Amino acid sequence: MRKNTKRKAVTILTTDPAVFPILKVKLTQESEKYQIHAHFFADRERIREVLKNLRRLEILEDNNQQFIWVLREEEKELVRDILSFHEASVITTNKMSLETDFMNSLYYYPYVALPLQSMLLMQVNQTYKRDYSMPLDLTSYHQLNATEKAIIFHLYKGKTTTQIAESVCISYHTVNNNIALIKKKFNVKTKVDIIKHIIKTNQETQLRQKESKINAKTI
């Protein structure tokens, strides 16, 4: 007797219909595990409207629902808006990496393609001035285990998931599982949010330490 398992619902959203012929084989292969839907819209101006509609329908928090955004080159700057609305995988229409990124989006959800990760990190660097000479103090994060702290350290240094796996000597999948746990502990949605949280906390800690030294000298 065939086991009746509920398939996870996956919605692919894009303005580029050319991605579907490229992903046709992968979509067919994964049809037993995932109930895949495609949503094509005419231009990027519709993206925010689509996001608002998804939120209004209250399906963004459905654990059995995944969203994969496939962005054109000229739409990449929208990744931050997308991730600020909801948890999702976001990849690009780059034909060289599209199939691999799509599979990563399914298996390592939520997943952000490497070029988009790099772009988001650059935006964080512009917003928060990171002083790499300043030690990253994670001793106060008692809720984190040693592996999670090591992963955060490498995220802070701008390393990719693959590079972190090699540095910490664990699998790619284990890195992603730990990142998911860190997100829950910090109550954030993305890896970039983890970095922003750490930078902000680290800066506040350094400021308090400086103020304490100044106060100690004046006493």
C-alpha atoms as a PDB file:
ATOM      1  CA  MET A   1       0.000   0.000   0.000  1.00  0.00           C
ATOM      2  CA  ARG A   2       1.400   3.354  -0.999  1.00  0.00           C
ATOM      3  CA  LYS A   3       2.034   5.720   1.893  1.00  0.00           C
ATOM      4  CA  ASN A   4      -0.060   8.876   1.664  1.00  0.00           C
ATOM      5  CA  THR A   5       2.248  11.808   2.364  1.00  0.00           C
ATOM      6  CA  LYS A   6       1.264  15.419   2.028  1.00  0.00           C
ATOM      7  CA  ARG A   7       3.306  17.207  -0.623  1.00  0.00           C
ATOM      8  CA  LYS A   8       4.809  20.568   0.276  1.00  0.00           C
ATOM      9  CA  ALA A   9       3.337  23.399  -1.766  1.00  0.00           C
ATOM     10  CA  VAL A  10       5.890  25.429  -3.721  1.00  0.00           C
ATOM     11  CA  THR A  11       5.078  28.612  -5.620  1.00  0.00           C
ATOM     12  CA  ILE A  12       7.565  29.935  -8.181  1.00  0.00           C
ATOM     13  CA  LEU A  13       7.223  33.666  -8.838  1.00  0.00           C
ATOM     14  CA  THR A  14       8.956  35.418 -11.724  1.00  0.00           C
ATOM     15  CA  THR A  15       8.618  37.974 -14.493  1.00  0.00           C
ATOM     16  CA  ASP A  16      10.625  35.756 -16.861  1.00  0.00           C
ATOM     17  CA  PRO A  17       8.613  32.930 -18.502  1.00  0.00           C
ATOM     18  CA  ALA A  18      11.835  31.525 -19.986  1.00  0.00           C
ATOM     19  CA  VAL A  19      12.754  29.942 -16.643  1.00  0.00           C
ATOM     20  CA  PHE A  20      10.010  27.325 -16.870  1.00  0.00           C
ATOM     21  CA  PRO A  21      11.306  25.469 -19.961  1.00  0.00           C
ATOM     22  CA  ILE A  22      14.773  25.392 -18.355  1.00  0.00           C
ATOM     23  CA  LEU A  23      13.363  23.943 -15.117  1.00  0.00           C
ATOM     24  CA  LYS A  24      10.909  21.573 -16.799  1.00  0.00           C
ATOM     25  CA  VAL A  25      12.895  18.391 -16.090  1.00  0.00           C
ATOM     26  CA  LYS A  26      13.568  19.364 -12.459  1.00  0.00           C
ATOM     27  CA  LEU A  27       9.927  20.274 -11.932  1.00  0.00           C
ATOM     28  CA  THR A  28       8.843  16.880 -13.255  1.00  0.00           C
ATOM     29  CA  GLN A  29      11.384  15.030 -11.085  1.00  0.00           C
ATOM     30  CA  GLU A  30      10.235  16.794  -7.923  1.00  0.00           C
ATOM     31  CA  SER A  31       6.493  16.545  -8.599  1.00  0.00           C
ATOM     32  CA  GLU A  32       6.052  13.584  -6.214  1.00  0.00           C
ATOM     33  CA  LYS A  33       7.546  15.496  -3.266  1.00  0.00           C
ATOM     34  CA  TYR A  34       6.303  18.988  -4.078  1.00  0.00           C
ATOM     35  CA  GLN A  35       3.081  20.441  -5.399  1.00  0.00           C
ATOM     36  CA  ILE A  36       4.612  23.122  -7.603  1.00  0.00           C
ATOM     37  CA  HIS A  37       2.736  26.153  -8.903  1.00  0.00           C
ATOM     38  CA  ALA A  38       4.019  28.891 -11.171  1.00  0.00           C
ATOM     39  CA  HIS A  39       3.020  32.515 -10.936  1.00  0.00           C
ATOM     40  CA  PHE A  40       4.108  34.744 -13.795  1.00  0.00           C
ATOM     41  CA  PHE A  41       3.507  38.472 -13.678  1.00  0.00           C
ATOM     42  CA  ALA A  42       4.104  41.068 -16.348  1.00  0.00           C
ATOM     43  CA  ASP A  43       6.637  43.398 -14.707  1.00  0.00           C
ATOM     44  CA  ARG A  44       8.509  44.030 -11.479  1.00  0.00           C
ATOM     45  CA  GLU A  45       6.090  46.754 -10.428  1.00  0.00           C
ATOM     46  CA  ARG A  46       3.689  43.935  -9.628  1.00  0.00           C
ATOM     47  CA  ILE A  47       6.071  42.317  -7.127  1.00  0.00           C
ATOM     48  CA  ARG A  48       5.156  44.448  -4.125  1.00  0.00           C
ATOM     49  CA  GLU A  49       1.469  44.110  -4.967  1.00  0.00           C
ATOM     50  CA  VAL A  50       1.859  40.323  -5.070  1.00  0.00           C
ATOM     51  CA  LEU A  51       3.655  40.361  -1.703  1.00  0.00           C
ATOM     52  CA  LYS A  52       0.914  42.424  -0.113  1.00  0.00           C
ATOM     53  CA  ASN A  53      -1.733  40.056  -1.472  1.00  0.00           C
ATOM     54  CA  LEU A  54       0.140  37.047  -0.095  1.00  0.00           C
ATOM     55  CA  ARG A  55       0.317  38.691   3.312  1.00  0.00           C
ATOM     56  CA  ARG A  56      -3.369  39.630   3.180  1.00  0.00           C
ATOM     57  CA  LEU A  57      -4.262  36.016   2.419  1.00  0.00           C
ATOM     58  CA  GLU A  58      -2.331  34.993   5.569  1.00  0.00           C
ATOM     59  CA  ILE A  59      -0.482  32.126   3.895  1.00  0.00           C
ATOM     60  CA  LEU A  60       3.036  33.439   4.469  1.00  0.00           C
ATOM     61  CA  GLU A  61       3.252  31.710   7.857  1.00  0.00           C
ATOM     62  CA  ASP A  62       2.078  28.351   6.469  1.00  0.00           C
ATOM     63  CA  ASN A  63       4.914  25.893   7.182  1.00  0.00           C
ATOM     64  CA  ASN A  64       3.808  23.705   4.306  1.00  0.00           C
ATOM     65  CA  GLN A  65       4.105  26.557   1.791  1.00  0.00           C
ATOM     66  CA  GLN A  66       7.361  27.646   0.162  1.00  0.00           C
ATOM     67  CA  PHE A  67       7.974  30.596  -2.147  1.00  0.00           C
ATOM     68  CA  ILE A  68      10.766  30.759  -4.714  1.00  0.00           C
ATOM     69  CA  TRP A  69      11.380  34.101  -6.387  1.00  0.00           C
ATOM     70  CA  VAL A  70      13.355  34.048  -9.636  1.00  0.00           C
ATOM     71  CA  LEU A  71      14.637  37.535 -10.410  1.00  0.00           C
ATOM     72  CA  ARG A  72      16.077  39.027 -13.565  1.00  0.00           C
ATOM     73  CA  GLU A  73      19.379  40.920 -13.392  1.00  0.00           C
ATOM     74  CA  GLU A  74      17.603  44.289 -13.352  1.00  0.00           C
ATOM     75  CA  GLU A  75      15.323  43.138 -10.505  1.00  0.00           C
ATOM     76  CA  LYS A  76      18.050  42.070  -8.061  1.00  0.00           C
ATOM     77  CA  GLU A  77      17.692  45.170  -5.911  1.00  0.00           C
ATOM     78  CA  LEU A  78      14.201  43.926  -4.946  1.00  0.00           C
ATOM     79  CA  VAL A  79      15.580  40.965  -2.967  1.00  0.00           C
ATOM     80  CA  ARG A  80      15.735  43.019   0.222  1.00  0.00           C
ATOM     81  CA  ASP A  81      12.088  44.066  -0.154  1.00  0.00           C
ATOM     82  CA  ILE A  82      11.037  40.471  -0.753  1.00  0.00           C
ATOM     83  CA  LEU A  83      12.866  39.134   2.300  1.00  0.00           C
ATOM     84  CA  SER A  84      11.517  41.947   4.462  1.00  0.00           C
ATOM     85  CA  PHE A  85       7.979  40.820   3.614  1.00  0.00           C
ATOM     86  CA  HIS A  86       8.343  37.100   4.203  1.00  0.00           C
ATOM     87  CA  GLU A  87      10.617  34.071   4.343  1.00  0.00           C
ATOM     88  CA  ALA A  88      11.458  32.890   0.833  1.00  0.00           C
ATOM     89  CA  SER A  89      14.103  31.517  -1.463  1.00  0.00           C
ATOM     90  CA  VAL A  90      15.385  34.075  -3.947  1.00  0.00           C
ATOM     91  CA  ILE A  91      17.468  33.122  -6.983  1.00  0.00           C
ATOM     92  CA  THR A  92      18.320  34.654 -10.347  1.00  0.00           C
ATOM     93  CA  THR A  93      17.507  33.798 -13.948  1.00  0.00           C
ATOM     94  CA  ASN A  94      21.192  33.119 -14.670  1.00  0.00           C
ATOM     95  CA  LYS A  95      21.037  30.048 -16.957  1.00  0.00           C
ATOM     96  CA  MET A  96      24.414  28.768 -15.740  1.00  0.00           C
ATOM     97  CA  SER A  97      23.216  28.352 -12.149  1.00  0.00           C
ATOM     98  CA  LEU A  98      19.415  28.308 -12.429  1.00  0.00           C
ATOM     99  CA  GLU A  99      18.900  24.532 -12.063  1.00  0.00           C
ATOM    100  CA  THR A 100      21.360  24.213  -9.159  1.00  0.00           C
ATOM    101  CA  ASP A 101      19.926  27.247  -7.389  1.00  0.00           C
ATOM    102  CA  PHE A 102      16.405  25.925  -7.873  1.00  0.00           C
ATOM    103  CA  MET A 103      17.273  22.587  -6.234  1.00  0.00           C
ATOM    104  CA  ASN A 104      19.020  24.395  -3.376  1.00  0.00           C
ATOM    105  CA  SER A 105      15.888  26.526  -2.991  1.00  0.00           C
ATOM    106  CA  LEU A 106      13.839  23.380  -2.436  1.00  0.00           C
ATOM    107  CA  TYR A 107      16.216  21.421  -0.218  1.00  0.00           C
ATOM    108  CA  TYR A 108      17.775  24.284   1.789  1.00  0.00           C
ATOM    109  CA  TYR A 109      14.755  26.541   2.074  1.00  0.00           C
ATOM    110  CA  PRO A 110      14.937  29.484   2.599  1.00  0.00           C
ATOM    111  CA  TYR A 111      17.870  29.889   0.220  1.00  0.00           C
ATOM    112  CA  VAL A 112      19.395  33.012  -1.314  1.00  0.00           C
ATOM    113  CA  ALA A 113      21.608  32.655  -4.398  1.00  0.00           C
ATOM    114  CA  LEU A 114      25.266  33.559  -3.870  1.00  0.00           C
ATOM    115  CA  PRO A 115      25.292  36.752  -6.032  1.00  0.00           C
ATOM    116  CA  LEU A 116      22.288  38.032  -4.083  1.00  0.00           C
ATOM    117  CA  GLN A 117      23.909  37.133  -0.759  1.00  0.00           C
ATOM    118  CA  SER A 118      26.977  39.139  -1.787  1.00  0.00           C
ATOM    119  CA  MET A 119      24.818  42.103  -2.774  1.00  0.00           C
ATOM    120  CA  LEU A 120      22.941  42.010   0.534  1.00  0.00           C
ATOM    121  CA  LEU A 121      26.205  41.855   2.479  1.00  0.00           C
ATOM    122  CA  MET A 122      27.463  44.904   0.600  1.00  0.00           C
ATOM    123  CA  GLN A 123      24.271  46.749   1.568  1.00  0.00           C
ATOM    124  CA  VAL A 124      24.805  45.769   5.189  1.00  0.00           C
ATOM    125  CA  ASN A 125      28.408  46.992   5.018  1.00  0.00           C
ATOM    126  CA  GLN A 126      27.205  50.347   3.711  1.00  0.00           C
ATOM    127  CA  THR A 127      24.628  50.653   6.495  1.00  0.00           C
ATOM    128  CA  TYR A 128      26.725  49.283   9.334  1.00  0.00           C
ATOM    129  CA  LYS A 129      30.438  50.073   9.293  1.00  0.00           C
ATOM    130  CA  ARG A 130      32.111  46.821  10.259  1.00  0.00           C
ATOM    131  CA  ASP A 131      35.446  47.154  12.017  1.00  0.00           C
ATOM    132  CA  TYR A 132      37.120  43.792  11.392  1.00  0.00           C
ATOM    133  CA  SER A 133      39.997  44.743  13.725  1.00  0.00           C
ATOM    134  CA  MET A 134      37.461  44.872  16.570  1.00  0.00           C
ATOM    135  CA  PRO A 135      36.957  41.442  18.206  1.00  0.00           C
ATOM    136  CA  LEU A 136      33.577  39.786  17.718  1.00  0.00           C
ATOM    137  CA  ASP A 137      32.442  39.003  21.253  1.00  0.00           C
ATOM    138  CA  LEU A 138      29.856  36.220  21.417  1.00  0.00           C
ATOM    139  CA  THR A 139      30.427  35.231  25.048  1.00  0.00           C
ATOM    140  CA  SER A 140      27.180  36.856  26.197  1.00  0.00           C
ATOM    141  CA  TYR A 141      25.116  34.732  23.781  1.00  0.00           C
ATOM    142  CA  HIS A 142      24.486  31.895  26.235  1.00  0.00           C
ATOM    143  CA  GLN A 143      21.650  30.569  24.088  1.00  0.00           C
ATOM    144  CA  LEU A 144      24.133  29.672  21.336  1.00  0.00           C
ATOM    145  CA  ASN A 145      26.227  26.509  21.270  1.00  0.00           C
ATOM    146  CA  ALA A 146      29.836  26.360  20.053  1.00  0.00           C
ATOM    147  CA  THR A 147      28.883  25.354  16.493  1.00  0.00           C
ATOM    148  CA  GLU A 148      26.355  28.168  16.171  1.00  0.00           C
ATOM    149  CA  LYS A 149      28.918  30.696  17.413  1.00  0.00           C
ATOM    150  CA  ALA A 150      31.469  29.406  14.895  1.00  0.00           C
ATOM    151  CA  ILE A 151      28.932  29.740  12.078  1.00  0.00           C
ATOM    152  CA  ILE A 152      28.069  33.304  13.132  1.00  0.00           C
ATOM    153  CA  PHE A 153      31.774  34.182  13.226  1.00  0.00           C
ATOM    154  CA  HIS A 154      32.209  33.020   9.625  1.00  0.00           C
ATOM    155  CA  LEU A 155      28.955  34.681   8.491  1.00  0.00           C
ATOM    156  CA  TYR A 156      30.262  37.905   9.978  1.00  0.00           C
ATOM    157  CA  LYS A 157      33.424  37.506   7.908  1.00  0.00           C
ATOM    158  CA  GLY A 158      31.290  37.254   4.769  1.00  0.00           C
ATOM    159  CA  LYS A 159      31.775  33.543   4.063  1.00  0.00           C
ATOM    160  CA  THR A 160      29.268  31.517   2.067  1.00  0.00           C
ATOM    161  CA  THR A 161      27.496  28.429   3.404  1.00  0.00           C
ATOM    162  CA  THR A 162      29.889  26.162   1.494  1.00  0.00           C
ATOM    163  CA  GLN A 163      32.932  27.988   2.882  1.00  0.00           C
ATOM    164  CA  ILE A 164      31.498  27.795   6.403  1.00  0.00           C
ATOM    165  CA  ALA A 165      30.931  24.045   6.046  1.00  0.00           C
ATOM    166  CA  GLU A 166      34.568  23.595   5.037  1.00  0.00           C
ATOM    167  CA  SER A 167      35.865  25.849   7.833  1.00  0.00           C
ATOM    168  CA  VAL A 168      33.801  24.255  10.609  1.00  0.00           C
ATOM    169  CA  CYS A 169      34.173  20.714   9.173  1.00  0.00           C
ATOM    170  CA  ILE A 170      30.469  19.991   8.979  1.00  0.00           C
ATOM    171  CA  SER A 171      28.125  19.360   6.062  1.00  0.00           C
ATOM    172  CA  TYR A 172      26.384  22.026   3.999  1.00  0.00           C
ATOM    173  CA  HIS A 173      23.061  20.691   5.286  1.00  0.00           C
ATOM    174  CA  THR A 174      24.183  20.913   8.938  1.00  0.00           C
ATOM    175  CA  VAL A 175      25.246  24.543   8.425  1.00  0.00           C
ATOM    176  CA  ASN A 176      21.790  25.390   7.088  1.00  0.00           C
ATOM    177  CA  ASN A 177      20.081  23.564   9.967  1.00  0.00           C
ATOM    178  CA  ASN A 178      22.143  25.542  12.478  1.00  0.00           C
ATOM    179  CA  ILE A 179      21.437  28.821  10.673  1.00  0.00           C
ATOM    180  CA  ALA A 180      17.710  28.042  10.893  1.00  0.00           C
ATOM    181  CA  LEU A 181      18.092  27.545  14.670  1.00  0.00           C
ATOM    182  CA  ILE A 182      20.038  30.812  15.012  1.00  0.00           C
ATOM    183  CA  LYS A 183      17.274  32.676  13.158  1.00  0.00           C
ATOM    184  CA  LYS A 184      14.701  31.350  15.630  1.00  0.00           C
ATOM    185  CA  LYS A 185      16.868  32.293  18.625  1.00  0.00           C
ATOM    186  CA  PHE A 186      17.411  35.832  17.295  1.00  0.00           C
ATOM    187  CA  ASN A 187      13.845  36.089  15.967  1.00  0.00           C
ATOM    188  CA  VAL A 188      15.063  37.105  12.506  1.00  0.00           C
ATOM    189  CA  LYS A 189      14.237  35.894   8.999  1.00  0.00           C
ATOM    190  CA  THR A 190      17.478  35.872   6.990  1.00  0.00           C
ATOM    191  CA  LYS A 191      21.238  35.382   7.278  1.00  0.00           C
ATOM    192  CA  VAL A 192      21.675  39.073   6.583  1.00  0.00           C
ATOM    193  CA  ASP A 193      19.413  39.801   9.575  1.00  0.00           C
ATOM    194  CA  ILE A 194      21.685  37.603  11.711  1.00  0.00           C
ATOM    195  CA  ILE A 195      24.683  39.697  10.678  1.00  0.00           C
ATOM    196  CA  LYS A 196      22.815  42.964  11.284  1.00  0.00           C
ATOM    197  CA  HIS A 197      21.781  41.737  14.736  1.00  0.00           C
ATOM    198  CA  ILE A 198      25.355  40.756  15.621  1.00  0.00           C
ATOM    199  CA  ILE A 199      26.857  44.002  14.291  1.00  0.00           C
ATOM    200  CA  LYS A 200      24.353  46.136  16.187  1.00  0.00           C
ATOM    201  CA  THR A 201      24.832  44.194  19.429  1.00  0.00           C
ATOM    202  CA  ASN A 202      28.619  44.181  19.057  1.00  0.00           C
ATOM    203  CA  GLN A 203      28.679  47.939  18.467  1.00  0.00           C
ATOM    204  CA  GLU A 204      26.442  48.544  21.494  1.00  0.00           C
ATOM    205  CA  THR A 205      28.695  46.341  23.648  1.00  0.00           C
ATOM    206  CA  GLN A 206      31.823  48.188  22.510  1.00  0.00           C
ATOM    207  CA  LEU A 207      30.135  51.529  23.206  1.00  0.00           C
ATOM    208  CA  ARG A 208      29.144  50.448  26.721  1.00  0.00           C
ATOM    209  CA  GLN A 209      32.699  49.274  27.391  1.00  0.00           C
ATOM    210  CA  LYS A 210      34.117  52.629  26.267  1.00  0.00           C
ATOM    211  CA  GLU A 211      31.620  54.519  28.409  1.00  0.00           C
ATOM    212  CA  SER A 212      32.501  52.348  31.416  1.00  0.00           C
ATOM    213  CA  LYS A 213      36.213  53.129  30.963  1.00  0.00           C
ATOM    214  CA  ILE A 214      35.486  56.849  30.685  1.00  0.00           C
ATOM    215  CA  ASN A 215      33.304  56.773  33.803  1.00  0.00           C
ATOM    216  CA  ALA A 216      35.958  54.821  35.693  1.00  0.00           C
ATOM    217  CA  LYS A 217      38.583  57.471  34.882  1.00  0.00           C
ATOM    218  CA  THR A 218      36.369  60.343  36.032  1.00  0.00           C
ATOM    219  CA  ILE A 219      35.653  58.777  39.405  1.00  0.00           C
END
